[in-house]
């Protein structure tokens, strides 16, 4: 009997983080998102990364993905069936209006690139300098833990999901104490945590 094994180091979370990070790289980096005020794309990219990995690596159905991520089956389908080339044309400014799921198309492009280069399932880290400047290291972990959480969210719900995390030598509980509640979106949470780390 042939035994099929998953790639080395191939946890779903790790692969989704790789797809998420590669998606941001395809956009020109997190700094580009900040410049264009598109930080609201981050939660969608994180969600799309999980959908693409669960569909392609986990061989899960749309219904299973929807249950696992706390999204609708239609959202899972829209992400998984987004046409990559149309999304690429949209991002290049060649198409004005797009009916594709942009984050889904990006995640699929990133997934395909990682697969083709043999990097999916292997630990891939951003350069230390870039991670420090952009803060992507902690943001990815926060978003991964928020998977399936409904917003707006209160302090108790966030503390339950994020408990034990240490962000730049500060316990997340300490940072959560500095936020205003309810937190309306994951992007608002990331922004609030960043401001709390800066002492604002």
C-alpha atoms as a PDB file:
ATOM      1  CA  UNK A   1       0.000   0.000   0.000  1.00  0.00           C
ATOM      2  CA  UNK A   2       1.319   3.447  -0.911  1.00  0.00           C
ATOM      3  CA  UNK A   3       1.370   5.870   1.998  1.00  0.00           C
ATOM      4  CA  UNK A   4       0.836   9.474   1.041  1.00  0.00           C
ATOM      5  CA  UNK A   5       2.465  11.958   3.339  1.00  0.00           C
ATOM      6  CA  UNK A   6       1.988  15.683   3.628  1.00  0.00           C
ATOM      7  CA  UNK A   7       4.961  17.961   2.945  1.00  0.00           C
ATOM      8  CA  UNK A   8       7.489  18.389   5.752  1.00  0.00           C
ATOM      9  CA  UNK A   9       6.273  20.898   8.352  1.00  0.00           C
ATOM     10  CA  UNK A  10       2.913  21.071   6.662  1.00  0.00           C
ATOM     11  CA  UNK A  11       0.488  22.169   9.343  1.00  0.00           C
ATOM     12  CA  UNK A  12      -2.495  24.043   7.971  1.00  0.00           C
ATOM     13  CA  UNK A  13      -1.690  27.122  10.053  1.00  0.00           C
ATOM     14  CA  UNK A  14       1.914  27.210   8.853  1.00  0.00           C
ATOM     15  CA  UNK A  15       0.959  26.805   5.205  1.00  0.00           C
ATOM     16  CA  UNK A  16      -1.802  29.425   5.485  1.00  0.00           C
ATOM     17  CA  UNK A  17       0.729  31.832   7.005  1.00  0.00           C
ATOM     18  CA  UNK A  18       3.070  31.173   4.085  1.00  0.00           C
ATOM     19  CA  UNK A  19       0.285  31.849   1.569  1.00  0.00           C
ATOM     20  CA  UNK A  20      -0.745  34.982   3.496  1.00  0.00           C
ATOM     21  CA  UNK A  21       2.832  36.316   3.563  1.00  0.00           C
ATOM     22  CA  UNK A  22       3.400  35.507  -0.115  1.00  0.00           C
ATOM     23  CA  UNK A  23       0.114  37.272  -1.005  1.00  0.00           C
ATOM     24  CA  UNK A  24       1.356  40.420   0.695  1.00  0.00           C
ATOM     25  CA  UNK A  25       4.671  40.105  -1.145  1.00  0.00           C
ATOM     26  CA  UNK A  26       2.795  39.875  -4.469  1.00  0.00           C
ATOM     27  CA  UNK A  27       1.047  43.143  -3.608  1.00  0.00           C
ATOM     28  CA  UNK A  28       4.391  44.830  -3.085  1.00  0.00           C
ATOM     29  CA  UNK A  29       4.691  44.277   0.659  1.00  0.00           C
ATOM     30  CA  UNK A  30       2.760  45.373   3.705  1.00  0.00           C
ATOM     31  CA  UNK A  31       4.230  48.859   3.406  1.00  0.00           C
ATOM     32  CA  UNK A  32       2.433  49.178   0.046  1.00  0.00           C
ATOM     33  CA  UNK A  33      -0.862  48.311   1.726  1.00  0.00           C
ATOM     34  CA  UNK A  34      -0.189  50.957   4.359  1.00  0.00           C
ATOM     35  CA  UNK A  35       0.649  53.526   1.675  1.00  0.00           C
ATOM     36  CA  UNK A  36      -2.587  52.827  -0.153  1.00  0.00           C
ATOM     37  CA  UNK A  37      -4.616  52.592   3.079  1.00  0.00           C
ATOM     38  CA  UNK A  38      -5.644  49.035   2.274  1.00  0.00           C
ATOM     39  CA  UNK A  39      -4.960  47.444   5.681  1.00  0.00           C
ATOM     40  CA  UNK A  40      -8.573  46.281   5.650  1.00  0.00           C
ATOM     41  CA  UNK A  41      -7.425  43.676   3.109  1.00  0.00           C
ATOM     42  CA  UNK A  42      -5.411  41.813   5.761  1.00  0.00           C
ATOM     43  CA  UNK A  43      -8.294  39.890   7.368  1.00  0.00           C
ATOM     44  CA  UNK A  44      -9.626  38.952   3.909  1.00  0.00           C
ATOM     45  CA  UNK A  45      -6.188  37.753   2.825  1.00  0.00           C
ATOM     46  CA  UNK A  46      -5.824  35.677   5.992  1.00  0.00           C
ATOM     47  CA  UNK A  47      -9.238  34.099   5.417  1.00  0.00           C
ATOM     48  CA  UNK A  48      -8.467  33.444   1.740  1.00  0.00           C
ATOM     49  CA  UNK A  49      -5.116  31.857   2.616  1.00  0.00           C
ATOM     50  CA  UNK A  50      -6.879  29.369   4.887  1.00  0.00           C
ATOM     51  CA  UNK A  51      -9.564  28.599   2.284  1.00  0.00           C
ATOM     52  CA  UNK A  52      -6.973  27.924  -0.427  1.00  0.00           C
ATOM     53  CA  UNK A  53      -4.849  25.699   1.832  1.00  0.00           C
ATOM     54  CA  UNK A  54      -7.828  23.770   3.217  1.00  0.00           C
ATOM     55  CA  UNK A  55      -9.242  23.228  -0.288  1.00  0.00           C
ATOM     56  CA  UNK A  56      -5.988  22.234  -1.996  1.00  0.00           C
ATOM     57  CA  UNK A  57      -3.957  20.597   0.762  1.00  0.00           C
ATOM     58  CA  UNK A  58      -6.706  19.441   3.127  1.00  0.00           C
ATOM     59  CA  UNK A  59      -9.021  18.341   0.287  1.00  0.00           C
ATOM     60  CA  UNK A  60     -11.980  19.783   2.210  1.00  0.00           C
ATOM     61  CA  UNK A  61     -15.375  20.572   0.740  1.00  0.00           C
ATOM     62  CA  UNK A  62     -16.777  24.102   0.724  1.00  0.00           C
ATOM     63  CA  UNK A  63     -19.176  23.101   3.515  1.00  0.00           C
ATOM     64  CA  UNK A  64     -16.327  21.762   5.673  1.00  0.00           C
ATOM     65  CA  UNK A  65     -14.227  24.875   5.054  1.00  0.00           C
ATOM     66  CA  UNK A  66     -17.172  27.134   5.885  1.00  0.00           C
ATOM     67  CA  UNK A  67     -17.777  25.321   9.186  1.00  0.00           C
ATOM     68  CA  UNK A  68     -14.113  25.340  10.141  1.00  0.00           C
ATOM     69  CA  UNK A  69     -13.557  29.039   9.381  1.00  0.00           C
ATOM     70  CA  UNK A  70     -16.956  30.359  10.438  1.00  0.00           C
ATOM     71  CA  UNK A  71     -17.768  31.743   6.987  1.00  0.00           C
ATOM     72  CA  UNK A  72     -20.503  30.975   4.485  1.00  0.00           C
ATOM     73  CA  UNK A  73     -20.178  28.189   1.974  1.00  0.00           C
ATOM     74  CA  UNK A  74     -20.616  30.766  -0.815  1.00  0.00           C
ATOM     75  CA  UNK A  75     -17.695  32.832   0.522  1.00  0.00           C
ATOM     76  CA  UNK A  76     -15.484  29.740   0.549  1.00  0.00           C
ATOM     77  CA  UNK A  77     -16.550  28.970  -3.035  1.00  0.00           C
ATOM     78  CA  UNK A  78     -15.965  32.577  -4.209  1.00  0.00           C
ATOM     79  CA  UNK A  79     -12.452  32.532  -2.772  1.00  0.00           C
ATOM     80  CA  UNK A  80     -11.558  29.120  -4.188  1.00  0.00           C
ATOM     81  CA  UNK A  81     -12.916  29.856  -7.672  1.00  0.00           C
ATOM     82  CA  UNK A  82     -11.563  33.407  -8.090  1.00  0.00           C
ATOM     83  CA  UNK A  83      -9.826  33.752 -11.450  1.00  0.00           C
ATOM     84  CA  UNK A  84      -6.214  34.586 -10.738  1.00  0.00           C
ATOM     85  CA  UNK A  85      -5.479  36.222 -14.078  1.00  0.00           C
ATOM     86  CA  UNK A  86      -8.439  38.618 -13.722  1.00  0.00           C
ATOM     87  CA  UNK A  87      -7.274  39.599 -10.249  1.00  0.00           C
ATOM     88  CA  UNK A  88      -3.719  40.112 -11.547  1.00  0.00           C
ATOM     89  CA  UNK A  89      -5.071  42.384 -14.310  1.00  0.00           C
ATOM     90  CA  UNK A  90      -7.148  44.331 -11.759  1.00  0.00           C
ATOM     91  CA  UNK A  91      -4.142  44.914  -9.510  1.00  0.00           C
ATOM     92  CA  UNK A  92      -2.096  46.040 -12.511  1.00  0.00           C
ATOM     93  CA  UNK A  93      -4.790  48.621 -13.292  1.00  0.00           C
ATOM     94  CA  UNK A  94      -5.753  46.916 -16.567  1.00  0.00           C
ATOM     95  CA  UNK A  95      -9.311  46.192 -15.396  1.00  0.00           C
ATOM     96  CA  UNK A  96     -11.429  48.816 -13.664  1.00  0.00           C
ATOM     97  CA  UNK A  97     -14.233  46.696 -12.245  1.00  0.00           C
ATOM     98  CA  UNK A  98     -13.853  43.205 -10.914  1.00  0.00           C
ATOM     99  CA  UNK A  99     -16.397  40.626  -9.870  1.00  0.00           C
ATOM    100  CA  UNK A 100     -13.763  38.190  -8.643  1.00  0.00           C
ATOM    101  CA  UNK A 101     -12.827  37.776  -4.981  1.00  0.00           C
ATOM    102  CA  UNK A 102      -9.584  39.808  -4.943  1.00  0.00           C
ATOM    103  CA  UNK A 103      -8.135  38.205  -1.794  1.00  0.00           C
ATOM    104  CA  UNK A 104      -9.056  34.773  -3.146  1.00  0.00           C
ATOM    105  CA  UNK A 105      -7.270  35.428  -6.418  1.00  0.00           C
ATOM    106  CA  UNK A 106      -4.200  36.721  -4.591  1.00  0.00           C
ATOM    107  CA  UNK A 107      -4.113  33.727  -2.251  1.00  0.00           C
ATOM    108  CA  UNK A 108      -4.397  31.371  -5.221  1.00  0.00           C
ATOM    109  CA  UNK A 109      -1.544  33.165  -7.016  1.00  0.00           C
ATOM    110  CA  UNK A 110       0.597  32.972  -3.868  1.00  0.00           C
ATOM    111  CA  UNK A 111      -0.274  29.304  -3.297  1.00  0.00           C
ATOM    112  CA  UNK A 112       0.599  28.379  -6.885  1.00  0.00           C
ATOM    113  CA  UNK A 113       3.926  30.257  -6.685  1.00  0.00           C
ATOM    114  CA  UNK A 114       4.884  28.556  -3.405  1.00  0.00           C
ATOM    115  CA  UNK A 115       3.959  25.127  -4.823  1.00  0.00           C
ATOM    116  CA  UNK A 116       5.869  25.676  -8.067  1.00  0.00           C
ATOM    117  CA  UNK A 117       8.961  26.810  -6.166  1.00  0.00           C
ATOM    118  CA  UNK A 118       8.699  23.892  -3.735  1.00  0.00           C
ATOM    119  CA  UNK A 119       8.450  26.214  -0.757  1.00  0.00           C
ATOM    120  CA  UNK A 120       4.992  25.326   0.549  1.00  0.00           C
ATOM    121  CA  UNK A 121       5.200  23.324   3.745  1.00  0.00           C
ATOM    122  CA  UNK A 122       8.721  24.446   4.520  1.00  0.00           C
ATOM    123  CA  UNK A 123       9.263  27.180   7.057  1.00  0.00           C
ATOM    124  CA  UNK A 124       9.694  30.484   5.278  1.00  0.00           C
ATOM    125  CA  UNK A 125      10.492  33.585   7.298  1.00  0.00           C
ATOM    126  CA  UNK A 126      10.538  37.207   6.282  1.00  0.00           C
ATOM    127  CA  UNK A 127      13.860  38.971   6.590  1.00  0.00           C
ATOM    128  CA  UNK A 128      14.258  40.072  10.222  1.00  0.00           C
ATOM    129  CA  UNK A 129      14.510  43.754   9.272  1.00  0.00           C
ATOM    130  CA  UNK A 130      11.297  43.657   7.233  1.00  0.00           C
ATOM    131  CA  UNK A 131       9.434  41.796   9.967  1.00  0.00           C
ATOM    132  CA  UNK A 132      10.486  44.395  12.528  1.00  0.00           C
ATOM    133  CA  UNK A 133       9.562  47.342  10.318  1.00  0.00           C
ATOM    134  CA  UNK A 134       6.242  45.955   9.153  1.00  0.00           C
ATOM    135  CA  UNK A 135       5.163  44.091  12.236  1.00  0.00           C
ATOM    136  CA  UNK A 136       3.870  41.244  10.098  1.00  0.00           C
ATOM    137  CA  UNK A 137       5.279  38.616  12.456  1.00  0.00           C
ATOM    138  CA  UNK A 138       2.806  39.293  15.258  1.00  0.00           C
ATOM    139  CA  UNK A 139      -0.086  40.362  12.999  1.00  0.00           C
ATOM    140  CA  UNK A 140      -0.150  36.975  11.260  1.00  0.00           C
ATOM    141  CA  UNK A 141      -0.362  35.156  14.597  1.00  0.00           C
ATOM    142  CA  UNK A 142      -3.138  37.446  15.851  1.00  0.00           C
ATOM    143  CA  UNK A 143      -5.185  36.963  12.666  1.00  0.00           C
ATOM    144  CA  UNK A 144      -4.693  33.189  12.752  1.00  0.00           C
ATOM    145  CA  UNK A 145      -6.101  33.052  16.281  1.00  0.00           C
ATOM    146  CA  UNK A 146      -9.093  35.210  15.331  1.00  0.00           C
ATOM    147  CA  UNK A 147     -10.253  32.738  12.690  1.00  0.00           C
ATOM    148  CA  UNK A 148     -14.004  32.230  13.044  1.00  0.00           C
ATOM    149  CA  UNK A 149     -14.512  34.959  15.683  1.00  0.00           C
ATOM    150  CA  UNK A 150     -17.510  37.207  15.072  1.00  0.00           C
ATOM    151  CA  UNK A 151     -17.032  40.960  15.222  1.00  0.00           C
ATOM    152  CA  UNK A 152     -17.678  43.322  16.929  1.00  0.00           C
ATOM    153  CA  UNK A 153     -15.822  41.636  19.795  1.00  0.00           C
ATOM    154  CA  UNK A 154     -15.375  42.446  23.463  1.00  0.00           C
ATOM    155  CA  UNK A 155     -12.288  42.224  25.642  1.00  0.00           C
ATOM    156  CA  UNK A 156     -13.216  38.832  27.132  1.00  0.00           C
ATOM    157  CA  UNK A 157     -13.638  37.184  23.715  1.00  0.00           C
ATOM    158  CA  UNK A 158     -10.360  38.631  22.456  1.00  0.00           C
ATOM    159  CA  UNK A 159      -8.478  37.673  25.615  1.00  0.00           C
ATOM    160  CA  UNK A 160      -9.787  34.114  25.298  1.00  0.00           C
ATOM    161  CA  UNK A 161      -8.554  33.852  21.688  1.00  0.00           C
ATOM    162  CA  UNK A 162      -5.277  35.728  22.100  1.00  0.00           C
ATOM    163  CA  UNK A 163      -4.371  34.723  25.669  1.00  0.00           C
ATOM    164  CA  UNK A 164      -0.724  33.843  26.180  1.00  0.00           C
ATOM    165  CA  UNK A 165       0.568  35.753  23.143  1.00  0.00           C
ATOM    166  CA  UNK A 166       3.547  38.009  23.712  1.00  0.00           C
ATOM    167  CA  UNK A 167       3.925  40.813  21.194  1.00  0.00           C
ATOM    168  CA  UNK A 168       7.292  42.550  21.219  1.00  0.00           C
ATOM    169  CA  UNK A 169       7.967  41.597  24.839  1.00  0.00           C
ATOM    170  CA  UNK A 170       4.506  42.676  26.037  1.00  0.00           C
ATOM    171  CA  UNK A 171       1.726  40.342  27.083  1.00  0.00           C
ATOM    172  CA  UNK A 172      -1.320  40.694  24.856  1.00  0.00           C
ATOM    173  CA  UNK A 173      -3.586  41.018  27.909  1.00  0.00           C
ATOM    174  CA  UNK A 174      -1.747  44.227  28.859  1.00  0.00           C
ATOM    175  CA  UNK A 175      -2.279  45.598  25.349  1.00  0.00           C
ATOM    176  CA  UNK A 176      -5.951  44.591  25.327  1.00  0.00           C
ATOM    177  CA  UNK A 177      -6.482  46.651  28.493  1.00  0.00           C
ATOM    178  CA  UNK A 178      -5.599  49.764  26.487  1.00  0.00           C
ATOM    179  CA  UNK A 179      -8.196  49.267  23.726  1.00  0.00           C
ATOM    180  CA  UNK A 180     -11.712  50.662  23.447  1.00  0.00           C
ATOM    181  CA  UNK A 181     -14.514  48.115  23.167  1.00  0.00           C
ATOM    182  CA  UNK A 182     -16.237  46.714  21.305  1.00  0.00           C
ATOM    183  CA  UNK A 183     -13.619  46.249  18.585  1.00  0.00           C
ATOM    184  CA  UNK A 184     -15.500  46.355  15.274  1.00  0.00           C
ATOM    185  CA  UNK A 185     -13.137  44.556  12.877  1.00  0.00           C
ATOM    186  CA  UNK A 186      -9.883  42.556  12.819  1.00  0.00           C
ATOM    187  CA  UNK A 187      -8.205  45.509  11.070  1.00  0.00           C
ATOM    188  CA  UNK A 188      -9.311  47.800  13.924  1.00  0.00           C
ATOM    189  CA  UNK A 189      -7.858  45.330  16.424  1.00  0.00           C
ATOM    190  CA  UNK A 190      -4.482  45.239  14.619  1.00  0.00           C
ATOM    191  CA  UNK A 191      -4.402  49.021  14.546  1.00  0.00           C
ATOM    192  CA  UNK A 192      -5.341  49.253  18.232  1.00  0.00           C
ATOM    193  CA  UNK A 193      -2.671  46.746  19.268  1.00  0.00           C
ATOM    194  CA  UNK A 194      -0.039  48.622  17.270  1.00  0.00           C
ATOM    195  CA  UNK A 195      -1.025  51.923  18.894  1.00  0.00           C
ATOM    196  CA  UNK A 196      -1.026  50.289  22.347  1.00  0.00           C
ATOM    197  CA  UNK A 197       2.524  49.032  21.730  1.00  0.00           C
ATOM    198  CA  UNK A 198       3.554  52.587  20.857  1.00  0.00           C
ATOM    199  CA  UNK A 199       2.040  53.773  24.146  1.00  0.00           C
ATOM    200  CA  UNK A 200      -0.722  55.892  22.566  1.00  0.00           C
END
